[in-house]
Amino acid sequence: MKLPTAAKLWRYVRYRLRLGAFFRRPGDGRSSPQIPAKDLLWSQVLARILRQNSFLSVEAMVRSPARRNMQVSRTFGDDALSYFNERLDPGRIREAVVQSARRAKRNKAFRHSPLIGLAIDGTGAGHTFSLEPLCPLCRPVKDPNNQVIGYLHYFTMISVVGTGITLPLDVEPYGPGDSEYSAGHRVIARAIENLGPRFADYVVADGKFAAAPFLNHLNELHLFPVVRLKANVPELFNAAQQRFTHEPPYHVYRHEGEKIEVWDADDFDPWGDLNWKTVRVLRYRQHKRNGEIVDALWLTNVPTRRVGSLRLFEIAKSRWEIENQGFNDGKNRYGMEHICHHDANAILIGWLIAVLAMVIERLFRLCYLHRGTHPVRTAIDLVRLLCLALGRPAPRGVDTS
């Protein structure tokens, strides 16, 4: 098997994902551009895949002999990247990410999953120790004495889950006066508009999204919600506790070597303005191999005849994909924690570039490189091979377009 290189990765992006036109015209807002937008954007995406997440790292790469192997036509500095990202249209990157996800589905990347899910959750990233806000997205971090000790930036992410390939799709920032819940409303509406109404089947989310307006909104989008049930919905939470606490489990399963006890009932009363006839509540008690016991309640309105208890348990557990393959990977490997340039639009662009890099890397590694009988390469193996390939002499006549 021929080893992967940055040139092969670019050809995959250009011809298989069909993102060549996007990289040439990514929504560049510069008035008199001298450096091609494709060079500035592709170098950042490739650097994120290689886990080089600062503008100075990108500058060092394009000023080195490796530039020709990167498919970048000319050199530039970190100030050019700052100027470019300040003026780049985030909508075009969002469209490119969605286009890649839709093409992955069309090419049967999710064929082993009968249901496609979307997960929503929020997180903070980009801590600064300034005592004054530096952009509209800065939210204060306070000590126990209520003194401001810095600022943090927050966003809500939406991601494809439950398919074997976790693909982050979009992020929506929220600053002071805004909330994760409101940002979740915006990001799910935009994602479904871009993906189309039949792309996904369900949405899985934490308990903060267990609010009637949000659940009604998902039903209007033809998605069934699977949301963690906590004490912030006291009527339903107490009713489920009273019914399930003193009853033996309805089903007991073995799932991936662990014992799963399940209680499942679909005749609970809705609360407030929730436009459901009844509410289905799933309780599971998961006995992990290390002796830990996880006990949780989830609510939904999907009929039992469509999704059984064990499958609903698996859907609920898919929420952790956005934590592990979304936030954890994004912050520790793709630079979501790092602020390259402290400007509100540039911060958002940095997060979206990380999302695009994760999607490209995962589809290239898990789908394209995994054709035939070749084993799946790990992410770090791909990074090492790409880095080694950058150090080789560039072939003559290399196409950097």
Protein backbone atom coordinates (compact mmCIF):
# COMPACT_ATOMS: atom_id res chain seq x y z
CA MET A 1 0.00 0.00 0.00
CA LYS A 2 1.36 3.42 -0.94
CA LEU A 3 1.86 5.69 2.05
CA PRO A 4 -0.36 8.78 2.51
CA THR A 5 1.09 12.20 1.73
CA ALA A 6 -0.18 15.77 1.91
CA ALA A 7 -0.50 15.76 -1.89
CA LYS A 8 -2.75 12.67 -1.79
CA LEU A 9 -4.76 14.23 1.02
CA TRP A 10 -5.26 17.36 -1.08
CA ARG A 11 -6.33 15.30 -4.08
CA TYR A 12 -8.84 13.50 -1.86
CA VAL A 13 -10.22 16.83 -0.63
CA ARG A 14 -10.29 18.29 -4.12
CA TYR A 15 -11.73 15.41 -6.12
CA ARG A 16 -13.42 12.97 -3.70
CA LEU A 17 -14.95 15.51 -1.32
CA ARG A 18 -15.19 18.04 -4.18
CA LEU A 19 -14.04 20.96 -2.05
CA GLY A 20 -11.62 22.44 -4.59
CA ALA A 21 -13.97 25.30 -5.51
CA PHE A 22 -14.58 26.05 -1.84
CA PHE A 23 -10.87 26.37 -1.08
CA ARG A 24 -10.39 28.69 -4.06
CA ARG A 25 -13.37 30.86 -3.03
CA PRO A 26 -13.92 30.33 0.73
CA GLY A 27 -15.68 33.64 1.39
CA ASP A 28 -12.55 35.79 1.43
CA GLY A 29 -13.40 39.26 2.73
CA ARG A 30 -10.03 40.91 1.99
CA SER A 31 -10.32 44.01 -0.18
CA SER A 32 -7.10 43.57 -2.21
CA PRO A 33 -5.80 40.03 -1.67
CA GLN A 34 -2.22 39.32 -2.71
CA ILE A 35 -1.92 35.80 -1.29
CA PRO A 36 -4.32 33.15 -2.69
CA ALA A 37 -7.10 32.30 -0.26
CA LYS A 38 -6.57 28.61 -0.99
CA ASP A 39 -2.99 28.78 0.34
CA LEU A 40 -4.01 30.54 3.55
CA LEU A 41 -6.94 28.24 4.29
CA TRP A 42 -5.48 24.89 3.20
CA SER A 43 -2.26 25.50 5.14
CA GLN A 44 -4.32 26.02 8.31
CA VAL A 45 -6.40 22.88 7.73
CA LEU A 46 -3.31 20.77 7.03
CA ALA A 47 -1.53 22.22 10.06
CA ARG A 48 -4.49 21.31 12.29
CA ILE A 49 -4.41 17.74 10.97
CA LEU A 50 -0.67 17.67 11.76
CA ARG A 51 -1.41 19.09 15.23
CA GLN A 52 0.45 22.32 14.57
CA ASN A 53 -2.15 24.73 15.87
CA SER A 54 -0.55 28.18 16.07
CA PHE A 55 -0.11 30.75 13.31
CA LEU A 56 3.65 30.73 13.98
CA SER A 57 3.69 26.98 13.30
CA VAL A 58 1.89 27.52 9.99
CA GLU A 59 4.35 30.29 9.09
CA ALA A 60 7.32 28.03 9.90
CA MET A 61 5.90 25.26 7.74
CA VAL A 62 5.26 27.41 4.66
CA ARG A 63 8.70 29.07 4.97
CA SER A 64 10.41 25.67 5.08
CA PRO A 65 11.31 23.32 2.19
CA ALA A 66 8.20 21.31 3.10
CA ARG A 67 6.00 23.97 1.50
CA ARG A 68 6.05 22.39 -1.96
CA ASN A 69 4.86 19.08 -0.53
CA MET A 70 2.07 20.92 1.30
CA GLN A 71 0.42 21.99 -1.97
CA VAL A 72 0.93 25.66 -1.02
CA SER A 73 2.21 27.95 -3.77
CA ARG A 74 3.91 30.75 -1.79
CA THR A 75 5.14 31.85 1.61
CA PHE A 76 3.41 34.21 4.03
CA GLY A 77 3.55 35.27 7.68
CA ASP A 78 1.35 34.93 10.70
CA ASP A 79 0.02 38.49 10.26
CA ALA A 80 -1.46 37.48 6.88
CA LEU A 81 -3.35 34.65 8.59
CA SER A 82 -4.71 37.05 11.23
CA TYR A 83 -5.90 39.51 8.58
CA PHE A 84 -7.42 36.68 6.52
CA ASN A 85 -9.32 35.00 9.37
CA GLU A 86 -10.75 38.31 10.62
CA ARG A 87 -12.50 38.74 7.27
CA LEU A 88 -13.36 35.16 6.30
CA ASP A 89 -17.04 34.24 6.00
CA PRO A 90 -17.88 31.43 8.49
CA GLY A 91 -20.93 30.45 6.45
CA ARG A 92 -18.80 29.10 3.61
CA ILE A 93 -16.83 26.81 5.95
CA ARG A 94 -20.07 25.54 7.47
CA GLU A 95 -21.35 24.73 3.99
CA ALA A 96 -18.14 22.84 3.18
CA VAL A 97 -18.36 20.73 6.34
CA VAL A 98 -22.01 19.88 5.67
CA GLN A 99 -21.23 19.06 2.04
CA SER A 100 -18.55 16.60 3.22
CA ALA A 101 -20.96 14.93 5.67
CA ARG A 102 -23.67 14.61 3.04
CA ARG A 103 -21.19 13.12 0.58
CA ALA A 104 -20.05 10.66 3.24
CA LYS A 105 -23.63 9.50 3.72
CA ARG A 106 -24.15 9.25 -0.05
CA ASN A 107 -21.02 7.11 -0.28
CA LYS A 108 -22.37 4.70 2.38
CA ALA A 109 -19.97 5.71 5.15
CA PHE A 110 -22.82 5.24 7.67
CA ARG A 111 -24.18 2.04 6.13
CA HIS A 112 -23.67 -0.05 9.28
CA SER A 113 -25.96 2.15 11.38
CA PRO A 114 -29.74 1.92 10.93
CA LEU A 115 -30.21 5.33 12.59
CA ILE A 116 -28.10 8.47 12.24
CA GLY A 117 -27.89 10.74 15.25
CA LEU A 118 -26.94 14.30 16.01
CA ALA A 119 -25.51 15.27 19.41
CA ILE A 120 -25.55 18.79 20.86
CA ASP A 121 -23.47 20.05 23.77
CA GLY A 122 -21.57 23.12 24.88
CA THR A 123 -18.09 23.79 26.23
CA GLY A 124 -15.62 26.53 27.04
CA ALA A 125 -12.28 27.08 25.32
CA GLY A 126 -9.65 29.74 24.85
CA HIS A 127 -8.88 30.96 28.37
CA THR A 128 -7.20 34.35 28.69
CA PHE A 129 -5.76 35.96 31.82
CA SER A 130 -6.64 39.48 30.80
CA LEU A 131 -8.61 41.50 33.35
CA GLU A 132 -10.57 43.23 30.58
CA PRO A 133 -12.64 41.60 27.81
CA LEU A 134 -10.76 41.54 24.51
CA CYS A 135 -13.66 40.56 22.23
CA PRO A 136 -17.48 40.32 22.35
CA LEU A 137 -17.25 36.57 23.08
CA CYS A 138 -15.24 36.97 26.29
CA ARG A 139 -17.13 35.74 29.36
CA PRO A 140 -15.62 36.47 32.78
CA VAL A 141 -14.10 33.77 34.99
CA LYS A 142 -14.34 34.65 38.68
CA ASP A 143 -12.65 33.37 41.83
CA PRO A 144 -14.53 32.43 45.06
CA ASN A 145 -14.42 36.11 46.07
CA ASN A 146 -16.30 37.06 42.87
CA GLN A 147 -13.21 38.76 41.42
CA VAL A 148 -12.56 38.49 37.69
CA ILE A 149 -9.39 36.45 37.10
CA GLY A 150 -9.68 36.00 33.34
CA TYR A 151 -12.02 35.34 30.44
CA LEU A 152 -13.23 32.25 28.62
CA HIS A 153 -15.00 31.67 25.31
CA TYR A 154 -17.96 29.32 24.91
CA PHE A 155 -19.61 27.54 22.01
CA THR A 156 -22.22 24.86 21.33
CA MET A 157 -21.25 22.06 18.95
CA ILE A 158 -23.38 19.70 16.88
CA SER A 159 -21.95 16.41 15.66
CA VAL A 160 -22.94 13.26 13.78
CA VAL A 161 -22.95 10.36 16.26
CA GLY A 162 -24.01 6.72 16.43
CA THR A 163 -22.60 5.78 13.03
CA GLY A 164 -19.07 4.57 13.83
CA ILE A 165 -17.60 7.82 12.44
CA THR A 166 -18.05 10.91 14.61
CA LEU A 167 -18.19 14.02 12.41
CA PRO A 168 -18.47 17.46 14.04
CA LEU A 169 -20.67 19.64 11.83
CA ASP A 170 -20.88 23.14 13.25
CA VAL A 171 -20.21 25.37 16.23
CA GLU A 172 -22.21 28.32 17.50
CA PRO A 173 -20.50 30.75 19.91
CA TYR A 174 -22.32 32.45 22.75
CA GLY A 175 -21.06 35.39 24.74
CA PRO A 176 -22.34 37.42 27.72
CA GLY A 177 -26.14 37.59 27.83
CA ASP A 178 -26.45 34.46 25.69
CA SER A 179 -26.64 30.81 26.72
CA GLU A 180 -25.79 27.29 25.62
CA TYR A 181 -29.50 26.56 25.31
CA SER A 182 -30.12 29.49 22.92
CA ALA A 183 -27.00 28.63 20.92
CA GLY A 184 -28.28 25.06 20.68
CA HIS A 185 -31.53 26.30 19.15
CA ARG A 186 -29.59 28.25 16.52
CA VAL A 187 -27.13 25.52 15.64
CA ILE A 188 -29.70 22.74 15.27
CA ALA A 189 -31.93 24.91 13.06
CA ARG A 190 -29.00 25.87 10.81
CA ALA A 191 -27.65 22.31 10.67
CA ILE A 192 -30.97 20.79 9.62
CA GLU A 193 -31.51 23.51 7.02
CA ASN A 194 -28.08 22.75 5.53
CA LEU A 195 -28.20 18.95 5.90
CA GLY A 196 -31.75 18.48 4.74
CA PRO A 197 -34.70 17.06 6.68
CA ARG A 198 -33.91 13.38 6.05
CA PHE A 199 -30.22 13.30 6.92
CA ALA A 200 -30.59 12.36 10.60
CA ASP A 201 -33.13 10.48 12.71
CA TYR A 202 -32.60 11.67 16.28
CA VAL A 203 -30.94 14.27 18.50
CA VAL A 204 -29.25 13.30 21.77
CA ALA A 205 -28.49 15.96 24.37
CA ASP A 206 -27.82 16.63 28.04
CA GLY A 207 -30.46 17.56 30.61
CA LYS A 208 -30.16 21.31 30.06
CA PHE A 209 -31.98 20.81 26.75
CA ALA A 210 -34.96 19.08 28.42
CA ALA A 211 -37.20 22.11 27.86
CA ALA A 212 -40.57 22.01 26.12
CA PRO A 213 -39.77 24.64 23.41
CA PHE A 214 -36.60 22.79 22.38
CA LEU A 215 -38.28 19.36 22.34
CA ASN A 216 -41.23 20.72 20.35
CA HIS A 217 -38.78 22.32 17.91
CA LEU A 218 -37.07 18.97 17.29
CA ASN A 219 -40.41 17.33 16.51
CA GLU A 220 -41.15 20.11 14.02
CA LEU A 221 -37.82 19.24 12.37
CA HIS A 222 -38.93 15.54 12.20
CA LEU A 223 -36.27 14.42 14.67
CA PHE A 224 -37.01 12.45 17.79
CA PRO A 225 -35.16 13.69 20.89
CA VAL A 226 -33.30 11.55 23.40
CA VAL A 227 -32.50 13.87 26.31
CA ARG A 228 -31.11 13.22 29.78
CA LEU A 229 -33.80 13.51 32.46
CA LYS A 230 -32.68 15.34 35.59
CA ALA A 231 -34.22 17.29 38.45
CA ASN A 232 -34.70 20.38 36.24
CA VAL A 233 -37.92 18.64 35.07
CA PRO A 234 -39.20 17.87 38.59
CA GLU A 235 -42.64 16.44 37.78
CA LEU A 236 -41.41 13.83 35.32
CA PHE A 237 -38.20 13.15 37.23
CA ASN A 238 -40.05 12.44 40.48
CA ALA A 239 -42.70 10.33 38.73
CA ALA A 240 -40.02 8.18 37.07
CA GLN A 241 -38.11 7.80 40.33
CA GLN A 242 -41.22 6.73 42.21
CA ARG A 243 -42.21 4.15 39.61
CA PHE A 244 -38.82 2.61 38.83
CA THR A 245 -37.09 2.68 42.23
CA HIS A 246 -39.11 -0.14 43.79
CA GLU A 247 -39.55 -2.31 40.70
CA PRO A 248 -37.13 -4.95 39.39
CA PRO A 249 -35.57 -4.22 36.00
CA TYR A 250 -37.83 -4.89 33.03
CA HIS A 251 -34.93 -6.25 30.95
CA VAL A 252 -31.34 -7.32 31.63
CA TYR A 253 -28.85 -7.25 28.73
CA ARG A 254 -25.19 -8.06 28.15
CA HIS A 255 -23.68 -5.26 26.13
CA GLU A 256 -19.97 -5.26 25.24
CA GLY A 257 -19.24 -7.48 28.22
CA GLU A 258 -21.17 -5.34 30.71
CA LYS A 259 -24.45 -5.96 32.50
CA ILE A 260 -27.21 -3.47 31.63
CA GLU A 261 -30.42 -3.33 33.68
CA VAL A 262 -33.24 -1.44 31.99
CA TRP A 263 -36.58 0.07 33.01
CA ASP A 264 -38.63 1.42 30.10
CA ALA A 265 -42.16 2.89 30.06
CA ASP A 266 -43.92 5.11 27.52
CA ASP A 267 -47.01 6.27 29.43
CA PHE A 268 -45.74 9.22 31.47
CA ASP A 269 -47.65 12.51 31.30
CA PRO A 270 -46.06 15.49 29.49
CA TRP A 271 -45.43 18.68 31.41
CA GLY A 272 -46.10 22.35 30.73
CA ASP A 273 -46.20 23.26 27.03
CA LEU A 274 -44.76 19.96 25.77
CA ASN A 275 -46.88 18.97 22.76
CA TRP A 276 -46.59 15.22 23.25
CA LYS A 277 -49.38 12.76 24.00
CA THR A 278 -47.15 10.76 26.34
CA VAL A 279 -43.49 10.70 27.35
CA ARG A 280 -41.29 7.62 27.23
CA VAL A 281 -38.71 7.34 30.03
CA LEU A 282 -35.77 4.95 29.99
CA ARG A 283 -33.79 4.18 33.11
CA TYR A 284 -30.63 2.11 32.84
CA ARG A 285 -28.18 0.82 35.42
CA GLN A 286 -24.85 0.02 33.77
CA HIS A 287 -22.43 -2.25 35.67
CA LYS A 288 -18.97 -1.44 34.32
CA ARG A 289 -16.05 -3.84 34.37
CA ASN A 290 -14.18 -1.74 36.96
CA GLY A 291 -17.08 -2.07 39.40
CA GLU A 292 -18.53 1.39 38.76
CA ILE A 293 -22.33 1.61 38.43
CA VAL A 294 -23.92 4.28 36.21
CA ASP A 295 -27.60 4.99 36.83
CA ALA A 296 -29.35 7.44 34.50
CA LEU A 297 -32.78 8.51 33.25
CA TRP A 298 -33.55 9.60 29.67
CA LEU A 299 -36.72 10.92 28.04
CA THR A 300 -37.95 10.60 24.47
CA ASN A 301 -41.11 10.21 22.43
CA VAL A 302 -39.92 7.56 19.96
CA PRO A 303 -42.31 4.55 19.94
CA THR A 304 -41.12 1.30 21.48
CA ARG A 305 -42.02 -0.57 18.29
CA ARG A 306 -39.50 1.55 16.37
CA VAL A 307 -36.63 1.63 18.88
CA GLY A 308 -36.29 -1.09 21.50
CA SER A 309 -34.87 -0.63 24.99
CA LEU A 310 -31.33 -1.80 24.22
CA ARG A 311 -31.12 0.32 21.07
CA LEU A 312 -32.38 3.33 23.02
CA PHE A 313 -29.66 2.70 25.60
CA GLU A 314 -27.06 2.72 22.81
CA ILE A 315 -28.49 5.97 21.44
CA ALA A 316 -28.30 7.58 24.88
CA LYS A 317 -24.67 6.48 25.28
CA SER A 318 -23.79 7.97 21.87
CA ARG A 319 -23.92 11.40 23.51
CA TRP A 320 -20.44 10.73 24.87
CA GLU A 321 -19.07 10.79 21.33
CA ILE A 322 -19.37 14.57 21.22
CA GLU A 323 -17.44 14.74 24.50
CA ASN A 324 -14.67 12.33 23.52
CA GLN A 325 -14.35 12.62 19.72
CA GLY A 326 -15.62 16.22 19.62
CA PHE A 327 -14.44 18.37 22.51
CA ASN A 328 -11.61 16.18 23.80
CA ASP A 329 -10.05 15.64 20.36
CA GLY A 330 -10.80 19.19 19.27
CA LYS A 331 -9.08 20.78 22.26
CA ASN A 332 -6.15 18.40 22.75
CA ARG A 333 -5.30 17.62 19.12
CA TYR A 334 -6.85 20.19 16.78
CA GLY A 335 -6.23 23.46 18.61
CA MET A 336 -9.72 24.48 19.74
CA GLU A 337 -8.25 25.57 23.07
CA HIS A 338 -5.71 27.86 21.41
CA ILE A 339 -6.54 31.43 20.37
CA CYS A 340 -4.40 32.28 17.36
CA HIS A 341 -5.78 35.81 16.99
CA HIS A 342 -8.08 37.47 19.53
CA ASP A 343 -10.89 38.69 17.33
CA ALA A 344 -14.48 37.38 17.56
CA ASN A 345 -14.70 36.30 13.91
CA ALA A 346 -11.15 34.93 13.89
CA ILE A 347 -11.90 32.82 16.99
CA LEU A 348 -15.03 31.40 15.34
CA ILE A 349 -13.09 30.72 12.12
CA GLY A 350 -10.42 28.91 14.15
CA TRP A 351 -13.04 26.61 15.69
CA LEU A 352 -14.64 25.95 12.29
CA ILE A 353 -11.26 25.19 10.70
CA ALA A 354 -10.66 22.65 13.47
CA VAL A 355 -14.07 21.10 12.71
CA LEU A 356 -13.27 20.95 8.98
CA ALA A 357 -9.86 19.39 9.70
CA MET A 358 -11.43 16.70 11.90
CA VAL A 359 -13.99 15.82 9.22
CA ILE A 360 -11.40 15.64 6.44
CA GLU A 361 -8.95 13.60 8.53
CA ARG A 362 -11.56 11.07 9.68
CA LEU A 363 -13.12 10.52 6.27
CA PHE A 364 -9.68 10.22 4.63
CA ARG A 365 -8.33 7.84 7.27
CA LEU A 366 -11.40 5.74 8.11
CA CYS A 367 -13.02 5.55 4.66
CA TYR A 368 -10.52 6.29 1.88
CA LEU A 369 -7.39 4.69 3.37
CA HIS A 370 -9.40 1.77 4.75
CA ARG A 371 -10.45 0.46 1.35
CA GLY A 372 -9.88 -3.24 0.74
CA THR A 373 -8.30 -5.34 3.49
CA HIS A 374 -5.95 -2.66 4.83
CA PRO A 375 -6.23 -2.16 8.60
CA VAL A 376 -7.49 1.15 9.95
CA ARG A 377 -4.64 3.52 10.68
CA THR A 378 -4.70 5.38 13.96
CA ALA A 379 -4.82 9.17 13.90
CA ILE A 380 -1.28 9.50 15.26
CA ASP A 381 0.05 7.05 12.64
CA LEU A 382 -1.42 9.25 9.91
CA VAL A 383 0.19 12.34 11.47
CA ARG A 384 3.60 10.65 11.54
CA LEU A 385 3.35 9.47 7.94
CA LEU A 386 2.26 12.89 6.70
CA CYS A 387 5.12 14.56 8.60
CA LEU A 388 7.64 12.14 7.15
CA ALA A 389 6.29 12.73 3.65
CA LEU A 390 6.67 16.51 4.04
CA GLY A 391 10.42 16.06 4.53
CA ARG A 392 10.96 14.27 1.23
CA PRO A 393 12.13 16.14 -1.86
CA ALA A 394 9.15 17.52 -3.76
CA PRO A 395 8.59 15.96 -7.20
CA ARG A 396 9.17 18.22 -10.16
CA GLY A 397 6.13 19.86 -11.65
CA VAL A 398 4.08 19.35 -8.49
CA ASP A 399 0.59 20.82 -8.75
CA THR A 400 -0.02 23.29 -5.90
CA SER A 401 -3.26 24.66 -7.29
